[in-house]
Amino acid sequence: MSDTRDIPLSFGQRALWFVQKLAPGATAYNVSLPARARHLDVAAFRNAWQALADRHPVLRTTCPAPGGNPVGRVHARLPIDFAEVDAAAWSAEELDRRIAEEAHRPFRLDEGPVVRLRLFHRADGETVTLPSLHHISIDFSSLAVLLDELGIFYDAACAGRSVALPPPAATYESFARWQMEMLAGPRGAELEALWRSRLAGAPPVLDLPADHPRPRSQSFQGGSLDVLLPEDLTRGAKALAAAEGADLSTLLLAVFQALLHRSTGRDDIPVGCPVPGRPTADLREVVGYFVNSVVVRGDFSGSPTFETALARVRARVDEARAWQDYPFPLLVERLRPQRDPGVTPVFQVFFVLYQGEEERVVRLLTGQSGAALETGSLELTPYLLGSRAAMFDLSLLMSDAGDRVAASFQYNSDLFEAATIARLADDYAGLLATVFADPARPVAALRPPASAQDLHRSLDRAETRRALLDRQKRLRGTSPRNRP
């Protein structure tokens, strides 16, 4: 009996496979989760990661291409790539350099392994753990599943006992086959037609005011600026979203697009956004690459008020969520946009708000203060890598931790200087505060506060206006702004 079997790749996986084939040394799709742990049981930690690979077929799936056509080859068992490193005598700079080198080491998708685990032992009893995987195997939702199960397997290994978790209700293979069947049928044709119609006439490139000319090809070299929005700003954003009948993600996206509209002078602002890509509830605990991208075009034609612009964005977001099953890589293939090696096709700006389980993973990845993650008896605290890959010209990754929203502005360092991104982050927070004060004002007339003192004045005005609107709602029985 063979210890391998071949299964189809999803369209998202095929796209990543082709990217890796074109640039075998590229590491933009490496997913690493460096973290600090104290008094780690090394054997238990290694065994826990191997148990995860044994449990989830996608973590022991390589991607050869017999006859030039890539397939998923599931191995009955595939040992993880494990090594320990004595880093006790290294300086902090040397540790940073060596961890970054390891995190950015390319994967061999055709041979595997697809899970790497490095442990860097320090002199003070601390270990920097570095699990690395390729995006072809996981997404952020999958990372949340893995981290939850990691603690279960780790504690069992520490206690010298085995643990048998119930198998997930579905498999990634079943998703890939469902996707193929859906796309071959009438629903696939309907979704393609809808997306073609929605993207007709979209600008091929959103040229942001950059510090440097766009290079001929993308290096994916990036930087990031991580900030926390004040509690009052977070509270105001959630209140305004509720009053406008929108979710927090849609509101924050609309403010981001309004900022880009003001920066570029363009009325049509296409932004890419991720969607879970899990069409049924039984796929919720399945590990794999499900996430898909959709395009939301902000429409600022006719000098709209922010309320009107938000309503337009909300309608586009609702459409995108309803049409999310059509894989974006296939859409790009069918649309055949003019290719430029220096530009990502269809959209160059990306936005996401992470919430729930994904938010925990993002806080660990971005190294936010107080972002320790507990899974079983394991406590992992962030170890922030100095350099990051930039998949797009500009990305705004936000996470909702309840009392405060965190924002990570990630940018292509071939195009932008850090100081430019710092100003952009300030402008975003200022515009957000100004929107609270008067969402009925035209977007073009909104003026972000010039100082921190002015910012708090805007917030105070917003709180006063919020109280008046709440009173009107109680008197009238309906919100004056809760309309389509």
Protein backbone atom coordinates (compact mmCIF):
# COMPACT_ATOMS: atom_id res chain seq x y z
CA MET A 1 0.00 0.00 0.00
CA SER A 2 1.42 3.41 -0.98
CA ASP A 3 2.21 5.87 1.78
CA THR A 4 1.16 8.81 -0.43
CA ARG A 5 -1.90 9.79 -2.41
CA ASP A 6 -2.53 12.66 -4.80
CA ILE A 7 -5.38 15.14 -4.39
CA PRO A 8 -6.36 18.31 -6.29
CA LEU A 9 -5.09 21.70 -5.16
CA SER A 10 -7.54 24.52 -4.60
CA PHE A 11 -7.31 27.51 -6.94
CA GLY A 12 -5.70 29.55 -4.18
CA GLN A 13 -3.05 26.88 -3.67
CA ARG A 14 -2.39 26.64 -7.41
CA ALA A 15 -1.81 30.39 -7.56
CA LEU A 16 0.75 30.24 -4.74
CA TRP A 17 2.43 27.25 -6.38
CA PHE A 18 2.88 29.18 -9.63
CA VAL A 19 4.27 32.20 -7.75
CA GLN A 20 6.80 29.96 -6.05
CA LYS A 21 7.71 28.30 -9.35
CA LEU A 22 8.36 31.67 -11.01
CA ALA A 23 10.49 32.85 -8.08
CA PRO A 24 11.83 29.80 -6.18
CA GLY A 25 13.85 31.99 -3.84
CA ALA A 26 10.94 34.25 -2.90
CA THR A 27 9.77 34.15 0.71
CA ALA A 28 6.88 36.60 0.62
CA TYR A 29 4.47 33.75 1.40
CA ASN A 30 6.43 32.37 4.34
CA VAL A 31 4.38 32.49 7.52
CA SER A 32 6.51 32.56 10.67
CA LEU A 33 5.34 32.94 14.24
CA PRO A 34 8.38 33.85 16.39
CA ALA A 35 7.69 33.96 20.11
CA ARG A 36 9.48 33.86 23.45
CA ALA A 37 8.92 31.05 25.92
CA ARG A 38 10.52 30.37 29.28
CA HIS A 39 11.52 26.96 30.64
CA LEU A 40 10.22 25.21 27.56
CA ASP A 41 9.99 21.41 27.52
CA VAL A 42 11.76 20.95 24.19
CA ALA A 43 10.76 17.35 23.58
CA ALA A 44 7.11 18.08 24.38
CA PHE A 45 7.09 21.14 22.13
CA ARG A 46 8.60 19.22 19.22
CA ASN A 47 6.21 16.30 19.74
CA ALA A 48 3.25 18.69 19.88
CA TRP A 49 4.12 20.19 16.49
CA GLN A 50 4.61 16.72 15.02
CA ALA A 51 1.19 15.74 16.41
CA LEU A 52 -0.33 18.73 14.62
CA ALA A 53 1.26 17.60 11.33
CA ASP A 54 0.02 14.05 11.91
CA ARG A 55 -3.50 15.33 12.62
CA HIS A 56 -3.89 17.78 9.73
CA PRO A 57 -3.21 16.33 6.24
CA VAL A 58 -2.36 19.74 4.72
CA LEU A 59 0.71 19.92 7.01
CA ARG A 60 2.11 16.77 5.39
CA THR A 61 1.16 17.61 1.83
CA THR A 62 3.84 18.42 -0.74
CA CYS A 63 3.14 19.86 -4.18
CA PRO A 64 4.98 18.07 -6.99
CA ALA A 65 4.03 18.60 -10.62
CA PRO A 66 3.97 15.33 -12.52
CA GLY A 67 3.65 16.21 -16.20
CA GLY A 68 3.85 19.91 -15.30
CA ASN A 69 0.49 19.95 -13.49
CA PRO A 70 0.75 20.58 -9.72
CA VAL A 71 -1.07 18.26 -7.34
CA GLY A 72 -1.24 17.85 -3.60
CA ARG A 73 0.63 14.74 -2.47
CA VAL A 74 -0.52 13.70 1.00
CA HIS A 75 2.03 11.65 2.93
CA ALA A 76 0.92 9.14 5.53
CA ARG A 77 3.54 10.72 7.79
CA LEU A 78 5.99 13.52 7.15
CA PRO A 79 8.47 14.46 9.90
CA ILE A 80 8.70 18.18 10.58
CA ASP A 81 12.01 19.95 9.93
CA PHE A 82 13.32 20.48 13.48
CA ALA A 83 16.56 21.94 14.86
CA GLU A 84 17.81 23.49 18.10
CA VAL A 85 20.31 26.34 18.10
CA ASP A 86 22.54 27.40 20.99
CA ALA A 87 22.17 31.19 20.98
CA ALA A 88 23.38 31.79 24.54
CA ALA A 89 26.44 33.77 23.49
CA TRP A 90 24.77 35.80 20.73
CA SER A 91 24.10 39.50 20.98
CA ALA A 92 20.55 40.74 20.46
CA GLU A 93 21.54 41.94 16.98
CA GLU A 94 22.96 38.55 16.04
CA LEU A 95 19.83 36.82 17.31
CA ASP A 96 17.63 39.14 15.25
CA ARG A 97 19.69 38.51 12.14
CA ARG A 98 19.74 34.74 12.48
CA ILE A 99 16.02 34.47 13.25
CA ALA A 100 15.18 36.68 10.26
CA GLU A 101 17.40 34.55 8.02
CA GLU A 102 15.63 31.41 9.14
CA ALA A 103 12.16 32.93 8.83
CA HIS A 104 12.92 34.03 5.26
CA ARG A 105 14.44 30.75 4.09
CA PRO A 106 12.55 29.46 1.02
CA PHE A 107 10.42 26.32 1.12
CA ARG A 108 10.67 23.45 -1.36
CA LEU A 109 6.99 22.83 -2.00
CA ASP A 110 7.65 19.82 -4.22
CA GLU A 111 9.69 17.96 -1.58
CA GLY A 112 8.77 19.38 1.81
CA PRO A 113 8.70 19.32 4.73
CA VAL A 114 6.16 22.12 4.89
CA VAL A 115 6.56 22.69 8.64
CA ARG A 116 9.85 24.00 10.06
CA LEU A 117 10.54 24.43 13.75
CA ARG A 118 13.63 26.16 15.10
CA LEU A 119 14.39 26.74 18.78
CA PHE A 120 16.96 29.38 19.75
CA HIS A 121 18.09 28.84 23.34
CA ARG A 122 19.27 31.86 25.32
CA ALA A 123 21.42 32.01 28.45
CA ASP A 124 18.63 33.08 30.80
CA GLY A 125 16.35 30.09 30.35
CA GLU A 126 14.40 31.76 27.55
CA THR A 127 13.83 30.07 24.20
CA VAL A 128 12.77 31.87 21.05
CA THR A 129 10.49 29.48 19.19
CA LEU A 130 10.21 29.85 15.42
CA PRO A 131 7.59 27.73 13.65
CA SER A 132 7.50 28.50 9.92
CA LEU A 133 5.06 27.29 7.30
CA HIS A 134 4.21 28.21 3.74
CA HIS A 135 0.96 30.07 3.10
CA ILE A 136 -0.09 27.27 0.72
CA SER A 137 -0.87 25.23 3.85
CA ILE A 138 -2.49 27.73 6.20
CA ASP A 139 -4.27 31.03 6.74
CA PHE A 140 -4.78 33.09 9.91
CA SER A 141 -7.89 31.14 10.91
CA SER A 142 -5.84 27.95 10.59
CA LEU A 143 -3.12 29.42 12.81
CA ALA A 144 -5.73 30.04 15.50
CA VAL A 145 -6.80 26.39 15.28
CA LEU A 146 -3.18 25.20 15.45
CA LEU A 147 -2.33 27.35 18.46
CA ASP A 148 -5.35 26.09 20.39
CA GLU A 149 -4.46 22.47 19.66
CA LEU A 150 -0.75 23.06 20.29
CA GLY A 151 -1.43 23.64 23.97
CA ILE A 152 -3.46 20.43 24.23
CA PHE A 153 -0.74 18.31 22.63
CA TYR A 154 2.04 20.08 24.57
CA ASP A 155 0.43 19.49 27.96
CA ALA A 156 -0.23 15.85 27.09
CA ALA A 157 3.39 15.35 26.02
CA CYS A 158 4.66 17.03 29.20
CA ALA A 159 2.54 14.61 31.26
CA GLY A 160 3.67 11.62 29.22
CA ARG A 161 0.18 10.75 28.07
CA SER A 162 -1.42 10.50 24.65
CA VAL A 163 -4.43 12.50 23.55
CA ALA A 164 -6.87 11.74 20.75
CA LEU A 165 -8.84 14.74 19.52
CA PRO A 166 -11.97 14.07 17.48
CA PRO A 167 -11.27 14.49 13.76
CA PRO A 168 -12.46 17.69 12.08
CA ALA A 169 -15.90 17.43 10.52
CA ALA A 170 -14.50 17.93 7.00
CA THR A 171 -11.19 17.98 5.13
CA TYR A 172 -9.35 20.45 2.95
CA GLU A 173 -9.56 17.92 0.13
CA SER A 174 -13.37 18.02 0.32
CA PHE A 175 -13.23 21.81 0.03
CA ALA A 176 -10.96 21.68 -3.04
CA ARG A 177 -13.28 19.19 -4.75
CA TRP A 178 -16.37 21.25 -3.85
CA GLN A 179 -14.71 24.34 -5.29
CA MET A 180 -13.94 22.59 -8.59
CA GLU A 181 -17.53 21.37 -8.91
CA MET A 182 -19.01 24.77 -8.02
CA LEU A 183 -16.87 26.60 -10.56
CA ALA A 184 -17.76 24.13 -13.29
CA GLY A 185 -21.48 24.68 -12.72
CA PRO A 186 -23.99 27.53 -13.09
CA ARG A 187 -23.03 29.18 -9.80
CA GLY A 188 -19.45 29.56 -10.98
CA ALA A 189 -20.58 31.18 -14.24
CA GLU A 190 -22.93 33.49 -12.33
CA LEU A 191 -20.21 34.63 -9.91
CA GLU A 192 -17.75 35.28 -12.73
CA ALA A 193 -20.30 37.45 -14.54
CA LEU A 194 -21.08 39.40 -11.36
CA TRP A 195 -17.42 40.12 -10.65
CA ARG A 196 -16.72 41.07 -14.27
CA SER A 197 -19.55 43.58 -14.09
CA ARG A 198 -18.46 45.00 -10.73
CA LEU A 199 -14.81 45.46 -11.80
CA ALA A 200 -15.50 46.86 -15.25
CA GLY A 201 -13.75 50.20 -15.68
CA ALA A 202 -11.72 49.95 -12.48
CA PRO A 203 -8.39 51.81 -12.57
CA PRO A 204 -5.57 49.32 -13.23
CA VAL A 205 -3.21 51.12 -10.85
CA LEU A 206 -3.93 53.31 -7.84
CA ASP A 207 -0.86 55.53 -7.85
CA LEU A 208 -0.29 56.70 -4.30
CA PRO A 209 1.96 59.72 -3.70
CA ALA A 210 5.22 57.82 -3.24
CA ASP A 211 8.70 58.91 -2.19
CA HIS A 212 10.45 56.89 -4.89
CA PRO A 213 9.68 55.79 -8.47
CA ARG A 214 8.11 52.37 -8.80
CA PRO A 215 10.81 49.76 -9.61
CA ARG A 216 10.50 47.59 -12.71
CA SER A 217 9.82 44.50 -10.61
CA GLN A 218 8.66 43.87 -7.07
CA SER A 219 11.20 43.03 -4.40
CA PHE A 220 8.54 42.56 -1.70
CA GLN A 221 10.80 44.45 0.70
CA GLY A 222 8.68 46.10 3.34
CA GLY A 223 8.44 48.01 6.56
CA SER A 224 5.69 48.54 9.07
CA LEU A 225 4.39 51.00 11.62
CA ASP A 226 2.27 49.61 14.44
CA VAL A 227 0.03 51.92 16.46
CA LEU A 228 -2.83 51.63 18.94
CA LEU A 229 -5.86 53.85 18.51
CA PRO A 230 -6.89 55.60 21.74
CA GLU A 231 -9.77 54.10 23.69
CA ASP A 232 -12.03 57.08 22.98
CA LEU A 233 -11.30 56.82 19.26
CA THR A 234 -12.09 53.09 19.31
CA ARG A 235 -15.26 53.67 21.29
CA GLY A 236 -16.37 56.41 18.90
CA ALA A 237 -15.70 54.24 15.83
CA LYS A 238 -17.89 51.46 17.19
CA ALA A 239 -20.67 53.87 18.10
CA LEU A 240 -20.66 55.53 14.67
CA ALA A 241 -20.64 52.17 12.89
CA ALA A 242 -23.67 51.05 14.88
CA ALA A 243 -25.50 54.31 14.18
CA GLU A 244 -24.88 53.96 10.44
CA GLY A 245 -25.96 50.31 10.29
CA ALA A 246 -22.45 49.17 9.36
CA ASP A 247 -19.99 46.86 11.05
CA LEU A 248 -16.72 48.18 12.44
CA SER A 249 -14.68 46.71 9.58
CA THR A 250 -16.74 48.53 6.95
CA LEU A 251 -16.49 51.84 8.80
CA LEU A 252 -12.71 51.63 9.20
CA LEU A 253 -12.36 50.64 5.54
CA ALA A 254 -14.47 53.61 4.43
CA VAL A 255 -12.27 56.01 6.43
CA PHE A 256 -9.17 54.41 4.87
CA GLN A 257 -10.60 54.83 1.37
CA ALA A 258 -11.60 58.41 2.15
CA LEU A 259 -7.99 59.09 3.15
CA LEU A 260 -6.72 57.53 -0.09
CA HIS A 261 -9.27 59.55 -2.08
CA ARG A 262 -7.97 62.75 -0.52
CA SER A 263 -4.34 61.69 -1.05
CA THR A 264 -4.66 60.71 -4.70
CA GLY A 265 -7.51 62.92 -5.93
CA ARG A 266 -9.12 59.77 -7.38
CA ASP A 267 -12.84 59.10 -6.99
CA ASP A 268 -12.54 55.34 -7.62
CA ILE A 269 -10.53 53.65 -4.86
CA PRO A 270 -10.23 49.86 -5.28
CA VAL A 271 -8.99 48.08 -2.16
CA GLY A 272 -8.45 44.37 -1.66
CA CYS A 273 -9.95 42.72 1.40
CA PRO A 274 -9.69 39.13 2.64
CA VAL A 275 -12.72 36.95 3.25
CA PRO A 276 -12.70 33.66 5.21
CA GLY A 277 -13.39 31.49 2.16
CA ARG A 278 -14.98 28.72 4.24
CA PRO A 279 -18.39 28.13 2.64
CA THR A 280 -19.76 25.74 5.29
CA ALA A 281 -19.62 25.57 9.08
CA ASP A 282 -18.00 22.12 9.08
CA LEU A 283 -14.83 23.69 7.61
CA ARG A 284 -14.35 26.00 10.59
CA GLU A 285 -11.82 23.74 12.38
CA VAL A 286 -10.08 22.54 9.21
CA VAL A 287 -6.49 23.68 8.65
CA GLY A 288 -5.70 24.87 5.13
CA TYR A 289 -5.45 27.83 2.77
CA PHE A 290 -9.07 29.00 2.53
CA VAL A 291 -8.74 32.78 2.66
CA ASN A 292 -9.79 34.58 -0.53
CA SER A 293 -9.49 38.20 -1.66
CA VAL A 294 -12.30 40.42 -2.87
CA VAL A 295 -12.19 43.93 -4.29
CA VAL A 296 -14.18 46.77 -2.73
CA ARG A 297 -14.32 49.93 -4.84
CA GLY A 298 -14.80 53.11 -2.84
CA ASP A 299 -16.92 55.59 -4.80
CA PHE A 300 -16.32 59.27 -4.02
CA SER A 301 -17.83 60.73 -7.16
CA GLY A 302 -20.11 63.75 -6.80
CA SER A 303 -18.42 65.05 -3.63
CA PRO A 304 -20.38 62.80 -1.23
CA THR A 305 -20.74 63.26 2.49
CA PHE A 306 -19.01 60.65 4.59
CA GLU A 307 -22.42 59.14 5.41
CA THR A 308 -23.11 58.69 1.70
CA ALA A 309 -19.62 57.32 0.98
CA LEU A 310 -19.99 54.86 3.86
CA ALA A 311 -23.37 53.68 2.54
CA ARG A 312 -21.77 53.06 -0.86
CA VAL A 313 -18.89 51.12 0.69
CA ARG A 314 -21.29 49.10 2.82
CA ALA A 315 -23.26 48.05 -0.29
CA ARG A 316 -20.05 46.95 -2.02
CA VAL A 317 -18.89 45.03 1.06
CA ASP A 318 -22.22 43.22 1.27
CA GLU A 319 -21.91 42.25 -2.40
CA ALA A 320 -18.34 41.06 -1.99
CA ARG A 321 -19.26 38.86 0.95
CA ALA A 322 -22.14 37.34 -1.01
CA TRP A 323 -19.84 36.65 -3.98
CA GLN A 324 -16.75 35.56 -2.01
CA ASP A 325 -16.73 31.94 -3.23
CA TYR A 326 -15.21 32.88 -6.58
CA PRO A 327 -11.41 32.52 -6.19
CA PHE A 328 -9.57 35.75 -6.84
CA PRO A 329 -6.62 34.08 -8.66
CA LEU A 330 -9.05 32.60 -11.18
CA LEU A 331 -10.75 35.97 -11.60
CA VAL A 332 -7.40 37.59 -12.42
CA GLU A 333 -6.69 34.81 -14.88
CA ARG A 334 -10.05 35.32 -16.61
CA LEU A 335 -9.90 39.14 -16.61
CA ARG A 336 -6.41 39.11 -18.16
CA PRO A 337 -5.35 42.54 -16.87
CA GLN A 338 -2.30 44.12 -18.44
CA ARG A 339 0.62 42.67 -16.52
CA ASP A 340 3.38 44.79 -15.06
CA PRO A 341 6.02 42.96 -12.97
CA GLY A 342 6.24 46.02 -10.72
CA VAL A 343 2.51 46.10 -9.92
CA THR A 344 0.12 43.64 -8.31
CA PRO A 345 -2.89 43.13 -10.61
CA VAL A 346 -6.37 44.60 -9.91
CA PHE A 347 -5.51 46.23 -6.55
CA GLN A 348 -2.36 47.54 -4.87
CA VAL A 349 -3.82 48.51 -1.50
CA PHE A 350 -5.08 46.04 1.09
CA PHE A 351 -7.25 46.33 4.21
CA VAL A 352 -8.40 43.94 6.92
CA LEU A 353 -9.82 44.07 10.43
CA TYR A 354 -9.09 40.92 12.42
CA GLN A 355 -11.50 39.96 15.17
CA GLY A 356 -12.14 36.94 17.39
CA GLU A 357 -9.64 34.10 17.24
CA GLU A 358 -7.68 35.65 14.38
CA GLU A 359 -7.14 38.80 16.44
CA ARG A 360 -5.12 36.83 19.03
CA VAL A 361 -2.77 35.53 16.34
CA VAL A 362 -2.31 38.97 14.78
CA ARG A 363 -1.47 40.55 18.13
CA LEU A 364 1.23 37.93 18.63
CA LEU A 365 2.56 38.44 15.10
CA THR A 366 2.71 42.23 15.38
CA GLY A 367 4.24 42.21 18.84
CA GLN A 368 1.61 44.35 20.54
CA SER A 369 2.07 45.22 24.16
CA GLY A 370 0.43 42.70 26.48
CA ALA A 371 -0.09 40.26 23.61
CA ALA A 372 0.97 37.13 25.47
CA LEU A 373 -0.85 34.09 24.15
CA GLU A 374 -1.67 31.26 26.52
CA THR A 375 -2.42 27.83 25.09
CA GLY A 376 -2.57 25.10 27.66
CA SER A 377 0.35 25.64 30.03
CA LEU A 378 2.36 27.37 27.30
CA GLU A 379 2.73 31.13 27.47
CA LEU A 380 4.13 32.70 24.31
CA THR A 381 5.06 36.38 24.11
CA PRO A 382 5.87 38.24 20.90
CA TYR A 383 9.27 38.34 19.29
CA LEU A 384 9.03 41.03 16.64
CA LEU A 385 11.03 40.55 13.46
CA GLY A 386 12.58 43.78 12.20
CA SER A 387 11.74 43.25 8.51
CA ARG A 388 8.52 42.15 6.85
CA ALA A 389 7.49 41.20 3.38
CA ALA A 390 5.24 43.70 1.59
CA MET A 391 2.76 41.98 -0.67
CA PHE A 392 1.18 45.29 -1.74
CA ASP A 393 2.11 48.95 -2.04
CA LEU A 394 0.24 49.68 1.19
CA SER A 395 -1.70 47.52 3.63
CA LEU A 396 -3.66 48.51 6.71
CA LEU A 397 -4.01 45.54 9.04
CA MET A 398 -6.21 46.27 12.03
CA SER A 399 -7.23 44.11 14.98
CA ASP A 400 -10.03 44.63 17.47
CA ALA A 401 -8.95 43.86 21.02
CA GLY A 402 -12.14 45.27 22.53
CA ASP A 403 -11.16 48.51 24.25
CA ARG A 404 -8.61 49.53 21.60
CA VAL A 405 -8.09 48.88 17.91
CA ALA A 406 -4.53 48.20 16.79
CA ALA A 407 -3.37 49.31 13.35
CA SER A 408 -0.36 48.04 11.44
CA PHE A 409 0.54 50.13 8.40
CA GLN A 410 2.64 47.84 6.21
CA TYR A 411 4.27 49.31 3.15
CA ASN A 412 6.57 48.67 0.22
CA SER A 413 9.88 50.20 1.27
CA ASP A 414 10.91 50.54 -2.38
CA LEU A 415 8.17 53.19 -2.65
CA PHE A 416 7.78 54.81 0.76
CA GLU A 417 9.92 56.20 3.52
CA ALA A 418 9.01 55.48 7.14
CA ALA A 419 8.30 59.18 7.81
CA THR A 420 5.66 59.23 5.06
CA ILE A 421 3.86 56.28 6.59
CA ALA A 422 4.00 57.91 10.03
CA ARG A 423 2.24 60.98 8.60
CA LEU A 424 -0.31 58.72 6.92
CA ALA A 425 -1.05 57.00 10.23
CA ASP A 426 -1.53 60.36 11.94
CA ASP A 427 -3.81 61.52 9.11
CA TYR A 428 -5.89 58.35 9.40
CA ALA A 429 -6.47 58.82 13.14
CA GLY A 430 -7.23 62.51 12.63
CA LEU A 431 -9.69 61.84 9.80
CA LEU A 432 -11.40 59.18 11.88
CA ALA A 433 -11.89 61.65 14.73
CA THR A 434 -13.19 64.33 12.34
CA VAL A 435 -15.70 61.93 10.82
CA PHE A 436 -17.22 61.40 14.29
CA ALA A 437 -17.67 65.12 14.76
CA ASP A 438 -19.58 65.65 11.51
CA PRO A 439 -20.24 62.60 9.29
CA ALA A 440 -22.76 64.66 7.29
CA ARG A 441 -20.01 66.93 5.93
CA PRO A 442 -18.62 66.26 2.42
CA VAL A 443 -15.50 64.10 2.53
CA ALA A 444 -13.55 66.75 0.62
CA ALA A 445 -14.35 69.32 3.32
CA LEU A 446 -13.28 67.19 6.29
CA ARG A 447 -10.25 68.64 8.00
CA PRO A 448 -8.27 66.36 10.33
CA PRO A 449 -7.29 67.98 13.64
CA ALA A 450 -3.96 69.78 13.54
CA SER A 451 -2.85 68.71 17.02
CA ALA A 452 -3.54 66.24 19.79
CA GLN A 453 -5.49 68.95 21.62
CA ASP A 454 -7.68 69.52 18.55
CA LEU A 455 -8.11 65.76 18.22
CA HIS A 456 -9.57 65.53 21.71
CA ARG A 457 -11.84 68.51 21.01
CA SER A 458 -13.17 66.64 17.96
CA LEU A 459 -13.74 63.56 20.08
CA ASP A 460 -15.57 65.62 22.70
CA ARG A 461 -17.83 67.09 19.98
CA ALA A 462 -18.43 63.59 18.65
CA GLU A 463 -19.43 62.31 22.09
CA THR A 464 -21.84 65.23 22.51
CA ARG A 465 -23.35 64.62 19.07
CA ARG A 466 -23.60 60.89 19.86
CA ALA A 467 -25.58 61.64 23.03
CA LEU A 468 -27.97 63.92 21.10
CA LEU A 469 -28.52 61.29 18.42
CA ASP A 470 -29.17 58.61 21.05
CA ARG A 471 -31.74 60.89 22.65
CA GLN A 472 -33.40 61.44 19.26
CA LYS A 473 -33.48 57.69 18.76
CA ARG A 474 -35.27 57.16 22.07
CA LEU A 475 -37.78 59.91 21.27
CA ARG A 476 -38.47 58.80 17.69
CA GLY A 477 -38.07 55.08 18.16
CA THR A 478 -35.55 54.88 15.31
CA SER A 479 -32.06 56.09 14.55
CA PRO A 480 -32.05 59.11 12.18
CA ARG A 481 -29.03 57.66 10.40
CA ASN A 482 -29.85 53.96 10.37
CA ARG A 483 -30.98 53.86 6.76
CA PRO A 484 -29.87 51.95 3.62
